[in-house]
C-alpha atoms as a PDB file:
ATOM      1  CA  MET A   1      67.611 -15.119 119.358  1.00  0.00           C
ATOM      2  CA  SER A   2      64.847 -15.839 116.848  1.00  0.00           C
ATOM      3  CA  ILE A   3      64.337 -18.455 114.111  1.00  0.00           C
ATOM      4  CA  ARG A   4      62.900 -17.302 110.643  1.00  0.00           C
ATOM      5  CA  LEU A   5      61.390 -19.235 108.160  1.00  0.00           C
ATOM      6  CA  LYS A   6      61.300 -17.676 104.424  1.00  0.00           C
ATOM      7  CA  LEU A   7      59.054 -19.317 101.886  1.00  0.00           C
ATOM      8  CA  GLU A   8      59.411 -18.679  98.238  1.00  0.00           C
ATOM      9  CA  ASP A   9      58.579 -19.762  94.648  1.00  0.00           C
ATOM     10  CA  GLY A  10      61.635 -21.181  92.772  1.00  0.00           C
ATOM     11  CA  ARG A  11      62.024 -22.646  89.231  1.00  0.00           C
ATOM     12  CA  ASP A  12      61.476 -26.229  90.953  1.00  0.00           C
ATOM     13  CA  GLY A  13      59.285 -25.484  93.284  1.00  0.00           C
ATOM     14  CA  LEU A  14      58.924 -24.146  97.069  1.00  0.00           C
ATOM     15  CA  VAL A  15      62.351 -22.812  98.353  1.00  0.00           C
ATOM     16  CA  ALA A  16      62.636 -22.667 102.065  1.00  0.00           C
ATOM     17  CA  THR A  17      65.290 -20.706 103.970  1.00  0.00           C
ATOM     18  CA  ILE A  18      65.584 -21.199 107.810  1.00  0.00           C
ATOM     19  CA  SER A  19      67.741 -18.699 109.716  1.00  0.00           C
ATOM     20  CA  GLU A  20      68.720 -17.953 113.119  1.00  0.00           C
ATOM     21  CA  ARG A  21      68.913 -14.295 113.917  1.00  0.00           C
ATOM     22  CA  ASN A  22      70.397 -12.679 117.140  1.00  0.00           C
ATOM     23  CA  ASP A  23      68.586 -10.025 119.114  1.00  0.00           C
ATOM     24  CA  ALA A  24      69.843  -7.017 116.636  1.00  0.00           C
ATOM     25  CA  GLY A  25      67.998  -9.336 113.863  1.00  0.00           C
ATOM     26  CA  LYS A  26      71.344 -10.182 112.208  1.00  0.00           C
ATOM     27  CA  ILE A  27      71.878 -13.754 110.743  1.00  0.00           C
ATOM     28  CA  THR A  28      74.259 -15.806 112.896  1.00  0.00           C
ATOM     29  CA  GLY A  29      75.409 -18.973 111.259  1.00  0.00           C
ATOM     30  CA  GLN A  30      74.791 -20.477 107.798  1.00  0.00           C
ATOM     31  CA  PRO A  31      70.964 -20.683 106.904  1.00  0.00           C
ATOM     32  CA  SER A  32      69.587 -24.004 105.995  1.00  0.00           C
ATOM     33  CA  VAL A  33      68.179 -23.854 102.481  1.00  0.00           C
ATOM     34  CA  PHE A  34      65.825 -26.737 100.968  1.00  0.00           C
ATOM     35  CA  LEU A  35      63.869 -27.242  97.862  1.00  0.00           C
ATOM     36  CA  GLY A  36      60.765 -28.832  97.171  1.00  0.00           C
ATOM     37  CA  GLY A  37      58.608 -30.515  99.872  1.00  0.00           C
ATOM     38  CA  THR A  38      55.542 -28.453 101.528  1.00  0.00           C
ATOM     39  CA  LYS A  39      54.973 -25.615 103.342  1.00  0.00           C
ATOM     40  CA  GLU A  40      53.675 -27.728 106.030  1.00  0.00           C
ATOM     41  CA  GLU A  41      57.092 -29.644 106.046  1.00  0.00           C
ATOM     42  CA  ALA A  42      59.142 -26.482 106.052  1.00  0.00           C
ATOM     43  CA  LYS A  43      56.936 -25.240 108.979  1.00  0.00           C
ATOM     44  CA  THR A  44      57.729 -28.691 110.724  1.00  0.00           C
ATOM     45  CA  ARG A  45      61.622 -28.043 110.542  1.00  0.00           C
ATOM     46  CA  ALA A  46      61.481 -24.580 111.590  1.00  0.00           C
ATOM     47  CA  LYS A  47      59.367 -25.663 114.742  1.00  0.00           C
ATOM     48  CA  ALA A  48      61.726 -28.152 115.448  1.00  0.00           C
ATOM     49  CA  LEU A  49      64.878 -26.293 115.078  1.00  0.00           C
ATOM     50  CA  ALA A  50      63.208 -23.362 117.476  1.00  0.00           C
ATOM     51  CA  ARG A  51      62.506 -26.130 120.163  1.00  0.00           C
ATOM     52  CA  THR A  52      66.175 -27.095 120.135  1.00  0.00           C
ATOM     53  CA  ARG A  53      67.083 -23.706 120.896  1.00  0.00           C
ATOM     54  CA  GLY A  54      64.676 -23.484 123.592  1.00  0.00           C
ATOM     55  CA  LEU A  55      62.270 -21.065 121.679  1.00  0.00           C
ATOM     56  CA  LYS A  56      58.548 -21.336 121.791  1.00  0.00           C
ATOM     57  CA  THR A  57      57.889 -19.669 118.537  1.00  0.00           C
ATOM     58  CA  TYR A  58      59.301 -18.775 115.082  1.00  0.00           C
ATOM     59  CA  GLY A  59      58.711 -16.286 112.503  1.00  0.00           C
ATOM     60  CA  ILE A  60      57.310 -16.991 108.770  1.00  0.00           C
ATOM     61  CA  VAL A  61      57.783 -14.733 105.920  1.00  0.00           C
ATOM     62  CA  ASP A  62      55.669 -16.133 103.038  1.00  0.00           C
ATOM     63  CA  LYS A  63      56.666 -14.596  99.633  1.00  0.00           C
ATOM     64  CA  THR A  64      54.843 -17.447  97.675  1.00  0.00           C
ATOM     65  CA  ASN A  65      52.259 -16.880  94.916  1.00  0.00           C
ATOM     66  CA  THR A  66      49.153 -18.326  96.624  1.00  0.00           C
ATOM     67  CA  ALA A  67      46.063 -17.433  94.740  1.00  0.00           C
ATOM     68  CA  ALA A  68      42.897 -18.302  96.333  1.00  0.00           C
ATOM     69  CA  VAL A  69      40.514 -20.115  94.131  1.00  0.00           C
END
């Protein structure tokens, strides 16, 4: 089992999706989707879910437009 956090830009700000995946990579259960907030908040939520499942890590897919200034 693994936990995946996907970050995307939406019309109303950051869209974060946290999903649980089985060993074959298929999504199990309903993903948790939330709007707004920050990347750090989303990472904290994903980390907490991973810990409750007994996992030490989680994956992140960042599809946001983060231009370096």
